[in-house]
């Protein structure tokens, strides 16, 4: 069987799908358009002019061509999975459609945040979505993100911090972080928060002129931390923070990274209580003032997720379900 995954893959999660498929002896390939950038300064300058005067993004067009050129080289695929099709224009999706008899998409963002035209969605044979609101509104098939990290038991770790969080810059999240840090300071908790994004430089500049308490480790950065290094940050913390974006109700990868490493979760996502792995011993849903966060949450032990529930969120189960590799799923 030949399967192709097509995605932008900014954070580097999607290649795990291909790795899992190959472990099942499937001829799998990943077309990652995030790798397509301007070759030199001249291309960047030309694209800047094009965007200003012609309202045309040449880098976007280059990425679309990369997809179709790659498919020409790979040839016909039994199945093609397109992650978040808002990234692609309609003509590119129609071209992708020609290379397979089963075209699938997975929406790991809400349609309120990233709009996908109905004409695009109609091209797909199957639409999966991680967002509960979209599943209920549009009739998509519900599918969460997946556990991609190898399991590591809590007793094999020695965390020195109470809470860790890394996130892309988002105004809603940053405002909530300010509120949460006040509560964490009241509890004398040790924590580290890293906010990544171009808008973070303003905070970086401001922090250079103020004294930051030793246990208030908040870092604003424009540089990403290597995806491979993140588990080491996670293992050094008793709990991971997961904050939603506006109009988003699905579960982020943070939840499943926490499950793999047996870390507690602190979140503002009330809908997490609907899931079968929810356990108030492991998961705290913050109220609007964060006043329900107590020091005891960090101090009580993690309760293991039942094996059958844990397996249902693994990448092995995820690929079986998406690609129909196991009729029982």
C-alpha atoms as a PDB file:
ATOM      1  CA  UNK A   1       0.000   0.000   0.000  1.00  0.00           C
ATOM      2  CA  UNK A   2       1.182   3.530  -0.837  1.00  0.00           C
ATOM      3  CA  UNK A   3       0.183   6.416   1.441  1.00  0.00           C
ATOM      4  CA  UNK A   4       1.227  10.064   1.299  1.00  0.00           C
ATOM      5  CA  UNK A   5       0.878  12.711   4.017  1.00  0.00           C
ATOM      6  CA  UNK A   6       0.825  16.327   2.847  1.00  0.00           C
ATOM      7  CA  UNK A   7       1.164  19.122   5.389  1.00  0.00           C
ATOM      8  CA  UNK A   8       2.830  22.348   6.408  1.00  0.00           C
ATOM      9  CA  UNK A   9       4.068  20.777   9.677  1.00  0.00           C
ATOM     10  CA  UNK A  10       5.439  23.894  11.375  1.00  0.00           C
ATOM     11  CA  UNK A  11       5.940  22.166  14.753  1.00  0.00           C
ATOM     12  CA  UNK A  12       7.217  18.858  13.390  1.00  0.00           C
ATOM     13  CA  UNK A  13       4.498  16.424  14.491  1.00  0.00           C
ATOM     14  CA  UNK A  14       3.330  15.018  11.160  1.00  0.00           C
ATOM     15  CA  UNK A  15       6.425  13.009  10.293  1.00  0.00           C
ATOM     16  CA  UNK A  16       5.549  10.681  13.191  1.00  0.00           C
ATOM     17  CA  UNK A  17       2.528   9.546  11.162  1.00  0.00           C
ATOM     18  CA  UNK A  18       4.774   8.535   8.282  1.00  0.00           C
ATOM     19  CA  UNK A  19       7.179   6.762  10.655  1.00  0.00           C
ATOM     20  CA  UNK A  20       4.270   4.801  12.146  1.00  0.00           C
ATOM     21  CA  UNK A  21       3.030   3.786   8.700  1.00  0.00           C
ATOM     22  CA  UNK A  22       6.483   2.631   7.649  1.00  0.00           C
ATOM     23  CA  UNK A  23       6.704   0.530  10.811  1.00  0.00           C
ATOM     24  CA  UNK A  24       3.636  -1.286   9.439  1.00  0.00           C
ATOM     25  CA  UNK A  25       5.540  -1.999   6.179  1.00  0.00           C
ATOM     26  CA  UNK A  26       3.574   0.622   4.244  1.00  0.00           C
ATOM     27  CA  UNK A  27       5.236   2.638   1.481  1.00  0.00           C
ATOM     28  CA  UNK A  28       4.677   6.050   3.099  1.00  0.00           C
ATOM     29  CA  UNK A  29       5.931   9.510   2.179  1.00  0.00           C
ATOM     30  CA  UNK A  30       5.652  13.014   3.636  1.00  0.00           C
ATOM     31  CA  UNK A  31       5.395  16.144   1.508  1.00  0.00           C
ATOM     32  CA  UNK A  32       6.301  18.904   3.972  1.00  0.00           C
ATOM     33  CA  UNK A  33       5.784  22.366   2.520  1.00  0.00           C
ATOM     34  CA  UNK A  34       7.292  24.170   5.530  1.00  0.00           C
ATOM     35  CA  UNK A  35      10.672  23.177   4.131  1.00  0.00           C
ATOM     36  CA  UNK A  36      10.054  25.261   1.011  1.00  0.00           C
ATOM     37  CA  UNK A  37      11.437  28.753   1.564  1.00  0.00           C
ATOM     38  CA  UNK A  38      13.078  31.511  -0.462  1.00  0.00           C
ATOM     39  CA  UNK A  39      16.405  30.398  -1.937  1.00  0.00           C
ATOM     40  CA  UNK A  40      18.127  33.764  -1.468  1.00  0.00           C
ATOM     41  CA  UNK A  41      17.659  37.454  -0.650  1.00  0.00           C
ATOM     42  CA  UNK A  42      16.643  38.237  -4.224  1.00  0.00           C
ATOM     43  CA  UNK A  43      13.689  35.844  -4.007  1.00  0.00           C
ATOM     44  CA  UNK A  44      12.622  37.338  -0.669  1.00  0.00           C
ATOM     45  CA  UNK A  45      12.780  40.863  -2.060  1.00  0.00           C
ATOM     46  CA  UNK A  46      10.850  39.912  -5.192  1.00  0.00           C
ATOM     47  CA  UNK A  47       8.169  38.234  -3.097  1.00  0.00           C
ATOM     48  CA  UNK A  48       7.850  41.306  -0.853  1.00  0.00           C
ATOM     49  CA  UNK A  49       7.256  43.515  -3.878  1.00  0.00           C
ATOM     50  CA  UNK A  50       4.790  41.014  -5.325  1.00  0.00           C
ATOM     51  CA  UNK A  51       2.757  40.907  -2.107  1.00  0.00           C
ATOM     52  CA  UNK A  52       2.617  44.713  -1.854  1.00  0.00           C
ATOM     53  CA  UNK A  53       1.844  45.633  -5.464  1.00  0.00           C
ATOM     54  CA  UNK A  54       0.272  42.487  -6.944  1.00  0.00           C
ATOM     55  CA  UNK A  55      -1.293  40.979  -3.803  1.00  0.00           C
ATOM     56  CA  UNK A  56       0.397  37.718  -4.771  1.00  0.00           C
ATOM     57  CA  UNK A  57       2.561  35.590  -2.472  1.00  0.00           C
ATOM     58  CA  UNK A  58       5.201  33.915  -4.620  1.00  0.00           C
ATOM     59  CA  UNK A  59       6.367  31.699  -1.756  1.00  0.00           C
ATOM     60  CA  UNK A  60       2.858  30.293  -1.420  1.00  0.00           C
ATOM     61  CA  UNK A  61       2.766  29.558  -5.147  1.00  0.00           C
ATOM     62  CA  UNK A  62       6.186  27.907  -4.897  1.00  0.00           C
ATOM     63  CA  UNK A  63       4.922  25.647  -2.131  1.00  0.00           C
ATOM     64  CA  UNK A  64       1.838  24.644  -4.127  1.00  0.00           C
ATOM     65  CA  UNK A  65       4.050  23.701  -7.087  1.00  0.00           C
ATOM     66  CA  UNK A  66       6.284  21.706  -4.751  1.00  0.00           C
ATOM     67  CA  UNK A  67       3.298  19.571  -3.750  1.00  0.00           C
ATOM     68  CA  UNK A  68       2.209  18.795  -7.305  1.00  0.00           C
ATOM     69  CA  UNK A  69       5.791  18.223  -8.496  1.00  0.00           C
ATOM     70  CA  UNK A  70       6.381  15.821  -5.586  1.00  0.00           C
ATOM     71  CA  UNK A  71       3.236  13.856  -6.402  1.00  0.00           C
ATOM     72  CA  UNK A  72       4.322  13.575 -10.038  1.00  0.00           C
ATOM     73  CA  UNK A  73       7.511  11.928  -8.817  1.00  0.00           C
ATOM     74  CA  UNK A  74       5.788   9.650  -6.285  1.00  0.00           C
ATOM     75  CA  UNK A  75       2.975   8.619  -8.602  1.00  0.00           C
ATOM     76  CA  UNK A  76      -0.454   7.264  -7.715  1.00  0.00           C
ATOM     77  CA  UNK A  77      -1.182   6.744  -3.992  1.00  0.00           C
ATOM     78  CA  UNK A  78      -3.718   4.397  -2.436  1.00  0.00           C
ATOM     79  CA  UNK A  79      -4.495   7.077   0.135  1.00  0.00           C
ATOM     80  CA  UNK A  80      -3.503  10.693   0.653  1.00  0.00           C
ATOM     81  CA  UNK A  81      -3.912  12.557   3.947  1.00  0.00           C
ATOM     82  CA  UNK A  82      -3.948  16.367   3.797  1.00  0.00           C
ATOM     83  CA  UNK A  83      -3.497  18.080   7.152  1.00  0.00           C
ATOM     84  CA  UNK A  84      -5.487  21.325   7.515  1.00  0.00           C
ATOM     85  CA  UNK A  85      -6.423  22.017   3.854  1.00  0.00           C
ATOM     86  CA  UNK A  86      -6.696  25.790   4.415  1.00  0.00           C
ATOM     87  CA  UNK A  87      -2.974  25.796   3.551  1.00  0.00           C
ATOM     88  CA  UNK A  88      -3.703  24.827  -0.065  1.00  0.00           C
ATOM     89  CA  UNK A  89      -5.610  26.593  -2.828  1.00  0.00           C
ATOM     90  CA  UNK A  90      -8.502  24.857  -4.560  1.00  0.00           C
ATOM     91  CA  UNK A  91      -6.626  24.118  -7.781  1.00  0.00           C
ATOM     92  CA  UNK A  92      -3.837  22.368  -5.854  1.00  0.00           C
ATOM     93  CA  UNK A  93      -6.330  20.228  -3.929  1.00  0.00           C
ATOM     94  CA  UNK A  94      -8.032  19.267  -7.193  1.00  0.00           C
ATOM     95  CA  UNK A  95      -4.651  18.211  -8.564  1.00  0.00           C
ATOM     96  CA  UNK A  96      -3.928  16.183  -5.411  1.00  0.00           C
ATOM     97  CA  UNK A  97      -7.317  14.509  -5.831  1.00  0.00           C
ATOM     98  CA  UNK A  98      -6.168  13.060  -9.190  1.00  0.00           C
ATOM     99  CA  UNK A  99      -3.439  11.019  -7.494  1.00  0.00           C
ATOM    100  CA  UNK A 100      -5.642   8.892  -5.247  1.00  0.00           C
ATOM    101  CA  UNK A 101      -9.007   7.193  -4.913  1.00  0.00           C
ATOM    102  CA  UNK A 102      -9.188   8.010  -1.170  1.00  0.00           C
ATOM    103  CA  UNK A 103      -8.465  11.579  -0.124  1.00  0.00           C
ATOM    104  CA  UNK A 104      -8.633  12.291   3.617  1.00  0.00           C
ATOM    105  CA  UNK A 105      -8.209  15.426   5.691  1.00  0.00           C
ATOM    106  CA  UNK A 106      -7.602  16.028   9.373  1.00  0.00           C
ATOM    107  CA  UNK A 107      -8.559  19.406  10.820  1.00  0.00           C
ATOM    108  CA  UNK A 108      -6.416  20.087  13.878  1.00  0.00           C
ATOM    109  CA  UNK A 109      -7.742  23.618  14.159  1.00  0.00           C
ATOM    110  CA  UNK A 110     -11.294  24.914  14.387  1.00  0.00           C
ATOM    111  CA  UNK A 111     -13.093  26.265  11.319  1.00  0.00           C
ATOM    112  CA  UNK A 112     -13.837  29.408  13.329  1.00  0.00           C
ATOM    113  CA  UNK A 113     -10.109  30.086  13.423  1.00  0.00           C
ATOM    114  CA  UNK A 114      -8.982  28.725  10.050  1.00  0.00           C
ATOM    115  CA  UNK A 115     -11.790  28.859   7.519  1.00  0.00           C
ATOM    116  CA  UNK A 116     -11.876  26.132   4.862  1.00  0.00           C
ATOM    117  CA  UNK A 117     -14.262  26.687   1.947  1.00  0.00           C
ATOM    118  CA  UNK A 118     -17.000  24.094   1.468  1.00  0.00           C
ATOM    119  CA  UNK A 119     -15.799  23.604  -2.104  1.00  0.00           C
ATOM    120  CA  UNK A 120     -12.465  22.396  -0.725  1.00  0.00           C
ATOM    121  CA  UNK A 121     -14.025  20.144   1.899  1.00  0.00           C
ATOM    122  CA  UNK A 122     -16.272  18.527  -0.726  1.00  0.00           C
ATOM    123  CA  UNK A 123     -13.165  17.099  -2.421  1.00  0.00           C
ATOM    124  CA  UNK A 124     -12.450  14.792   0.518  1.00  0.00           C
ATOM    125  CA  UNK A 125     -13.787  11.287   0.998  1.00  0.00           C
ATOM    126  CA  UNK A 126     -13.355  11.545   4.776  1.00  0.00           C
ATOM    127  CA  UNK A 127     -13.055  14.526   7.120  1.00  0.00           C
ATOM    128  CA  UNK A 128     -11.692  14.099  10.646  1.00  0.00           C
ATOM    129  CA  UNK A 129     -11.671  16.950  13.173  1.00  0.00           C
ATOM    130  CA  UNK A 130     -10.183  17.356  16.650  1.00  0.00           C
ATOM    131  CA  UNK A 131     -12.631  20.141  17.528  1.00  0.00           C
ATOM    132  CA  UNK A 132     -15.755  18.986  19.385  1.00  0.00           C
ATOM    133  CA  UNK A 133     -17.758  22.059  18.309  1.00  0.00           C
ATOM    134  CA  UNK A 134     -17.004  21.436  14.604  1.00  0.00           C
ATOM    135  CA  UNK A 135     -17.800  17.728  14.940  1.00  0.00           C
ATOM    136  CA  UNK A 136     -21.213  18.547  16.394  1.00  0.00           C
ATOM    137  CA  UNK A 137     -21.918  21.368  13.936  1.00  0.00           C
ATOM    138  CA  UNK A 138     -20.728  19.842  10.651  1.00  0.00           C
ATOM    139  CA  UNK A 139     -20.909  16.102  11.262  1.00  0.00           C
ATOM    140  CA  UNK A 140     -17.171  15.475  10.881  1.00  0.00           C
ATOM    141  CA  UNK A 141     -15.704  12.371  12.481  1.00  0.00           C
ATOM    142  CA  UNK A 142     -14.176  13.127  15.864  1.00  0.00           C
ATOM    143  CA  UNK A 143     -10.467  12.399  16.147  1.00  0.00           C
ATOM    144  CA  UNK A 144      -8.051  13.736  18.739  1.00  0.00           C
ATOM    145  CA  UNK A 145      -4.348  14.327  18.277  1.00  0.00           C
ATOM    146  CA  UNK A 146      -2.159  11.378  19.243  1.00  0.00           C
ATOM    147  CA  UNK A 147       0.507  10.123  21.618  1.00  0.00           C
ATOM    148  CA  UNK A 148       3.752  10.137  19.648  1.00  0.00           C
ATOM    149  CA  UNK A 149       6.280  10.085  22.484  1.00  0.00           C
ATOM    150  CA  UNK A 150       7.509   6.782  23.933  1.00  0.00           C
ATOM    151  CA  UNK A 151       5.963   6.044  27.319  1.00  0.00           C
ATOM    152  CA  UNK A 152       8.037   7.062  30.344  1.00  0.00           C
ATOM    153  CA  UNK A 153       6.707   6.247  33.810  1.00  0.00           C
ATOM    154  CA  UNK A 154       6.558   8.995  36.440  1.00  0.00           C
ATOM    155  CA  UNK A 155       8.647   6.982  38.902  1.00  0.00           C
ATOM    156  CA  UNK A 156      11.569   7.021  36.454  1.00  0.00           C
ATOM    157  CA  UNK A 157      11.705  10.824  36.477  1.00  0.00           C
ATOM    158  CA  UNK A 158      12.886  13.400  39.004  1.00  0.00           C
ATOM    159  CA  UNK A 159      11.189  16.727  38.176  1.00  0.00           C
ATOM    160  CA  UNK A 160      12.538  19.881  39.811  1.00  0.00           C
ATOM    161  CA  UNK A 161       9.766  22.234  38.692  1.00  0.00           C
ATOM    162  CA  UNK A 162       6.034  22.351  39.335  1.00  0.00           C
ATOM    163  CA  UNK A 163       4.867  23.672  35.967  1.00  0.00           C
ATOM    164  CA  UNK A 164       6.194  24.081  32.430  1.00  0.00           C
ATOM    165  CA  UNK A 165       4.567  25.665  29.383  1.00  0.00           C
ATOM    166  CA  UNK A 166       5.723  26.442  25.870  1.00  0.00           C
ATOM    167  CA  UNK A 167       3.409  28.125  23.376  1.00  0.00           C
ATOM    168  CA  UNK A 168       3.292  30.226  20.257  1.00  0.00           C
ATOM    169  CA  UNK A 169       2.408  33.886  20.856  1.00  0.00           C
ATOM    170  CA  UNK A 170      -1.305  34.453  21.297  1.00  0.00           C
ATOM    171  CA  UNK A 171      -2.811  37.525  22.938  1.00  0.00           C
ATOM    172  CA  UNK A 172      -5.506  35.560  24.807  1.00  0.00           C
ATOM    173  CA  UNK A 173      -2.956  33.130  26.180  1.00  0.00           C
ATOM    174  CA  UNK A 174      -0.510  35.839  27.236  1.00  0.00           C
ATOM    175  CA  UNK A 175      -3.224  37.695  29.150  1.00  0.00           C
ATOM    176  CA  UNK A 176      -4.199  34.495  30.965  1.00  0.00           C
ATOM    177  CA  UNK A 177      -0.546  33.700  31.707  1.00  0.00           C
ATOM    178  CA  UNK A 178      -0.221  37.039  33.531  1.00  0.00           C
ATOM    179  CA  UNK A 179      -3.158  36.075  35.735  1.00  0.00           C
ATOM    180  CA  UNK A 180      -1.872  32.562  36.351  1.00  0.00           C
ATOM    181  CA  UNK A 181       1.633  33.685  37.315  1.00  0.00           C
ATOM    182  CA  UNK A 182       0.207  35.780  40.136  1.00  0.00           C
ATOM    183  CA  UNK A 183      -1.394  32.663  41.569  1.00  0.00           C
ATOM    184  CA  UNK A 184       1.758  30.585  41.090  1.00  0.00           C
ATOM    185  CA  UNK A 185       3.776  33.214  42.945  1.00  0.00           C
ATOM    186  CA  UNK A 186       1.292  33.141  45.819  1.00  0.00           C
ATOM    187  CA  UNK A 187       1.866  29.388  46.023  1.00  0.00           C
ATOM    188  CA  UNK A 188       5.673  29.838  45.738  1.00  0.00           C
ATOM    189  CA  UNK A 189       5.648  27.374  42.853  1.00  0.00           C
ATOM    190  CA  UNK A 190       8.607  26.836  40.558  1.00  0.00           C
ATOM    191  CA  UNK A 191       7.707  27.219  36.906  1.00  0.00           C
ATOM    192  CA  UNK A 192       8.923  28.168  33.454  1.00  0.00           C
ATOM    193  CA  UNK A 193       6.869  29.607  30.601  1.00  0.00           C
ATOM    194  CA  UNK A 194       8.249  30.110  27.109  1.00  0.00           C
ATOM    195  CA  UNK A 195       6.290  32.187  24.564  1.00  0.00           C
ATOM    196  CA  UNK A 196       7.534  31.977  20.985  1.00  0.00           C
ATOM    197  CA  UNK A 197       6.648  34.414  18.227  1.00  0.00           C
ATOM    198  CA  UNK A 198       7.726  37.582  16.469  1.00  0.00           C
ATOM    199  CA  UNK A 199       5.470  39.698  18.698  1.00  0.00           C
ATOM    200  CA  UNK A 200       7.379  38.489  21.739  1.00  0.00           C
ATOM    201  CA  UNK A 201      10.255  40.941  21.175  1.00  0.00           C
ATOM    202  CA  UNK A 202       8.239  43.747  22.804  1.00  0.00           C
ATOM    203  CA  UNK A 203       7.994  41.740  26.010  1.00  0.00           C
ATOM    204  CA  UNK A 204      11.649  40.768  25.746  1.00  0.00           C
ATOM    205  CA  UNK A 205      12.618  44.449  25.570  1.00  0.00           C
ATOM    206  CA  UNK A 206      10.356  45.333  28.497  1.00  0.00           C
ATOM    207  CA  UNK A 207      11.772  42.521  30.659  1.00  0.00           C
ATOM    208  CA  UNK A 208      15.285  43.863  30.097  1.00  0.00           C
ATOM    209  CA  UNK A 209      14.387  46.909  32.219  1.00  0.00           C
ATOM    210  CA  UNK A 210      12.550  45.251  35.086  1.00  0.00           C
ATOM    211  CA  UNK A 211      13.635  42.908  37.844  1.00  0.00           C
ATOM    212  CA  UNK A 212      12.098  39.457  37.451  1.00  0.00           C
ATOM    213  CA  UNK A 213      11.729  37.243  40.559  1.00  0.00           C
ATOM    214  CA  UNK A 214      13.860  34.103  40.505  1.00  0.00           C
ATOM    215  CA  UNK A 215      10.896  31.737  40.314  1.00  0.00           C
ATOM    216  CA  UNK A 216       9.088  33.746  37.639  1.00  0.00           C
ATOM    217  CA  UNK A 217      10.786  32.248  34.618  1.00  0.00           C
ATOM    218  CA  UNK A 218       8.886  33.697  31.671  1.00  0.00           C
ATOM    219  CA  UNK A 219      10.786  33.823  28.409  1.00  0.00           C
ATOM    220  CA  UNK A 220       9.618  35.598  25.260  1.00  0.00           C
ATOM    221  CA  UNK A 221      11.523  34.453  22.202  1.00  0.00           C
ATOM    222  CA  UNK A 222      11.344  34.591  18.413  1.00  0.00           C
ATOM    223  CA  UNK A 223      13.396  31.410  18.117  1.00  0.00           C
ATOM    224  CA  UNK A 224      11.787  27.982  18.270  1.00  0.00           C
ATOM    225  CA  UNK A 225      13.067  25.315  20.638  1.00  0.00           C
ATOM    226  CA  UNK A 226      13.974  22.118  18.834  1.00  0.00           C
ATOM    227  CA  UNK A 227      11.074  19.675  18.903  1.00  0.00           C
ATOM    228  CA  UNK A 228      13.452  16.903  19.970  1.00  0.00           C
ATOM    229  CA  UNK A 229      14.507  18.846  23.078  1.00  0.00           C
ATOM    230  CA  UNK A 230      10.993  19.427  24.422  1.00  0.00           C
ATOM    231  CA  UNK A 231      10.601  16.077  26.255  1.00  0.00           C
ATOM    232  CA  UNK A 232      13.549  16.996  28.490  1.00  0.00           C
ATOM    233  CA  UNK A 233      11.755  20.192  29.518  1.00  0.00           C
ATOM    234  CA  UNK A 234       8.564  18.216  30.150  1.00  0.00           C
ATOM    235  CA  UNK A 235      10.307  15.551  32.240  1.00  0.00           C
ATOM    236  CA  UNK A 236      11.682  18.228  34.555  1.00  0.00           C
ATOM    237  CA  UNK A 237       8.174  19.358  35.536  1.00  0.00           C
ATOM    238  CA  UNK A 238       5.388  17.792  37.592  1.00  0.00           C
ATOM    239  CA  UNK A 239       2.668  19.366  35.448  1.00  0.00           C
ATOM    240  CA  UNK A 240       2.242  20.847  31.977  1.00  0.00           C
ATOM    241  CA  UNK A 241       0.091  23.852  31.171  1.00  0.00           C
ATOM    242  CA  UNK A 242      -2.263  23.816  28.182  1.00  0.00           C
ATOM    243  CA  UNK A 243      -4.204  26.967  27.257  1.00  0.00           C
ATOM    244  CA  UNK A 244      -6.690  27.157  24.402  1.00  0.00           C
ATOM    245  CA  UNK A 245      -6.864  29.715  21.640  1.00  0.00           C
ATOM    246  CA  UNK A 246     -10.030  31.734  21.135  1.00  0.00           C
ATOM    247  CA  UNK A 247     -12.814  29.674  19.472  1.00  0.00           C
ATOM    248  CA  UNK A 248     -10.864  26.432  19.812  1.00  0.00           C
ATOM    249  CA  UNK A 249     -12.166  23.449  21.757  1.00  0.00           C
ATOM    250  CA  UNK A 250      -9.997  20.506  20.704  1.00  0.00           C
ATOM    251  CA  UNK A 251      -7.163  18.995  22.694  1.00  0.00           C
ATOM    252  CA  UNK A 252      -3.645  20.079  21.819  1.00  0.00           C
ATOM    253  CA  UNK A 253      -0.628  17.776  21.610  1.00  0.00           C
ATOM    254  CA  UNK A 254       0.327  18.941  25.103  1.00  0.00           C
ATOM    255  CA  UNK A 255      -2.379  16.732  26.589  1.00  0.00           C
ATOM    256  CA  UNK A 256      -1.020  13.627  24.864  1.00  0.00           C
ATOM    257  CA  UNK A 257       2.589  14.474  25.612  1.00  0.00           C
ATOM    258  CA  UNK A 258       1.547  14.688  29.248  1.00  0.00           C
ATOM    259  CA  UNK A 259      -0.102  11.249  29.057  1.00  0.00           C
ATOM    260  CA  UNK A 260       3.018   9.684  27.555  1.00  0.00           C
ATOM    261  CA  UNK A 261       5.222  11.097  30.336  1.00  0.00           C
ATOM    262  CA  UNK A 262       2.653  10.738  33.121  1.00  0.00           C
ATOM    263  CA  UNK A 263       2.487  14.452  33.800  1.00  0.00           C
ATOM    264  CA  UNK A 264      -0.414  16.320  35.306  1.00  0.00           C
ATOM    265  CA  UNK A 265      -2.280  18.852  33.169  1.00  0.00           C
ATOM    266  CA  UNK A 266      -3.475  22.337  34.073  1.00  0.00           C
ATOM    267  CA  UNK A 267      -5.798  23.789  31.470  1.00  0.00           C
ATOM    268  CA  UNK A 268      -8.568  26.306  30.780  1.00  0.00           C
ATOM    269  CA  UNK A 269     -10.366  23.845  28.477  1.00  0.00           C
ATOM    270  CA  UNK A 270     -13.565  22.821  30.278  1.00  0.00           C
ATOM    271  CA  UNK A 271     -14.385  20.276  27.566  1.00  0.00           C
ATOM    272  CA  UNK A 272     -11.496  18.046  28.623  1.00  0.00           C
ATOM    273  CA  UNK A 273     -13.880  16.684  31.252  1.00  0.00           C
ATOM    274  CA  UNK A 274     -15.786  14.877  28.453  1.00  0.00           C
ATOM    275  CA  UNK A 275     -12.889  12.546  27.679  1.00  0.00           C
ATOM    276  CA  UNK A 276     -12.537   9.076  29.157  1.00  0.00           C
ATOM    277  CA  UNK A 277      -9.020   9.739  30.490  1.00  0.00           C
ATOM    278  CA  UNK A 278     -10.198  12.702  32.578  1.00  0.00           C
ATOM    279  CA  UNK A 279      -9.236  12.334  36.221  1.00  0.00           C
ATOM    280  CA  UNK A 280      -9.335  15.324  38.624  1.00  0.00           C
ATOM    281  CA  UNK A 281      -6.292  13.855  40.355  1.00  0.00           C
ATOM    282  CA  UNK A 282      -4.313  14.407  37.121  1.00  0.00           C
ATOM    283  CA  UNK A 283      -6.151  17.252  35.408  1.00  0.00           C
ATOM    284  CA  UNK A 284      -7.098  20.647  36.804  1.00  0.00           C
ATOM    285  CA  UNK A 285      -9.474  22.893  34.866  1.00  0.00           C
ATOM    286  CA  UNK A 286      -8.759  26.444  35.961  1.00  0.00           C
ATOM    287  CA  UNK A 287     -11.515  28.880  36.811  1.00  0.00           C
ATOM    288  CA  UNK A 288     -11.396  32.424  35.434  1.00  0.00           C
ATOM    289  CA  UNK A 289      -9.352  33.742  38.359  1.00  0.00           C
ATOM    290  CA  UNK A 290      -7.087  30.667  38.792  1.00  0.00           C
ATOM    291  CA  UNK A 291      -8.083  30.656  42.465  1.00  0.00           C
ATOM    292  CA  UNK A 292      -8.838  26.913  42.345  1.00  0.00           C
ATOM    293  CA  UNK A 293      -5.161  26.075  41.788  1.00  0.00           C
ATOM    294  CA  UNK A 294      -3.675  24.783  45.033  1.00  0.00           C
ATOM    295  CA  UNK A 295      -0.158  23.645  45.950  1.00  0.00           C
ATOM    296  CA  UNK A 296      -1.548  20.194  46.735  1.00  0.00           C
ATOM    297  CA  UNK A 297      -2.245  19.580  43.040  1.00  0.00           C
ATOM    298  CA  UNK A 298       1.502  19.437  42.388  1.00  0.00           C
ATOM    299  CA  UNK A 299       2.221  17.379  45.502  1.00  0.00           C
ATOM    300  CA  UNK A 300      -0.257  14.502  45.129  1.00  0.00           C
ATOM    301  CA  UNK A 301       0.871  11.540  42.962  1.00  0.00           C
ATOM    302  CA  UNK A 302      -0.135  10.986  39.344  1.00  0.00           C
ATOM    303  CA  UNK A 303      -2.770   8.270  38.861  1.00  0.00           C
ATOM    304  CA  UNK A 304      -2.001   5.990  35.921  1.00  0.00           C
ATOM    305  CA  UNK A 305      -4.364   5.996  32.930  1.00  0.00           C
ATOM    306  CA  UNK A 306      -5.903   2.536  32.321  1.00  0.00           C
ATOM    307  CA  UNK A 307      -3.982   0.671  29.617  1.00  0.00           C
ATOM    308  CA  UNK A 308      -6.919   0.255  27.226  1.00  0.00           C
ATOM    309  CA  UNK A 309      -7.754   3.972  27.409  1.00  0.00           C
ATOM    310  CA  UNK A 310      -4.117   4.934  26.927  1.00  0.00           C
ATOM    311  CA  UNK A 311      -3.811   2.727  23.824  1.00  0.00           C
ATOM    312  CA  UNK A 312      -6.847   4.348  22.186  1.00  0.00           C
ATOM    313  CA  UNK A 313      -4.865   7.616  21.965  1.00  0.00           C
ATOM    314  CA  UNK A 314      -1.630   6.153  20.612  1.00  0.00           C
ATOM    315  CA  UNK A 315      -0.360   6.874  17.124  1.00  0.00           C
ATOM    316  CA  UNK A 316      -0.633   3.180  16.274  1.00  0.00           C
ATOM    317  CA  UNK A 317      -4.388   3.284  16.910  1.00  0.00           C
ATOM    318  CA  UNK A 318      -4.672   6.707  15.212  1.00  0.00           C
ATOM    319  CA  UNK A 319      -3.153   5.497  11.924  1.00  0.00           C
ATOM    320  CA  UNK A 320      -5.288   2.351  11.959  1.00  0.00           C
ATOM    321  CA  UNK A 321      -8.424   4.466  12.296  1.00  0.00           C
ATOM    322  CA  UNK A 322      -7.552   7.164   9.756  1.00  0.00           C
ATOM    323  CA  UNK A 323      -6.357   4.811   7.027  1.00  0.00           C
ATOM    324  CA  UNK A 324      -8.700   1.929   7.791  1.00  0.00           C
ATOM    325  CA  UNK A 325      -5.825  -0.463   8.469  1.00  0.00           C
ATOM    326  CA  UNK A 326      -7.730  -2.358  11.132  1.00  0.00           C
ATOM    327  CA  UNK A 327     -11.415  -3.052  10.498  1.00  0.00           C
ATOM    328  CA  UNK A 328     -12.036  -3.275  14.252  1.00  0.00           C
ATOM    329  CA  UNK A 329     -11.182   0.446  14.603  1.00  0.00           C
END
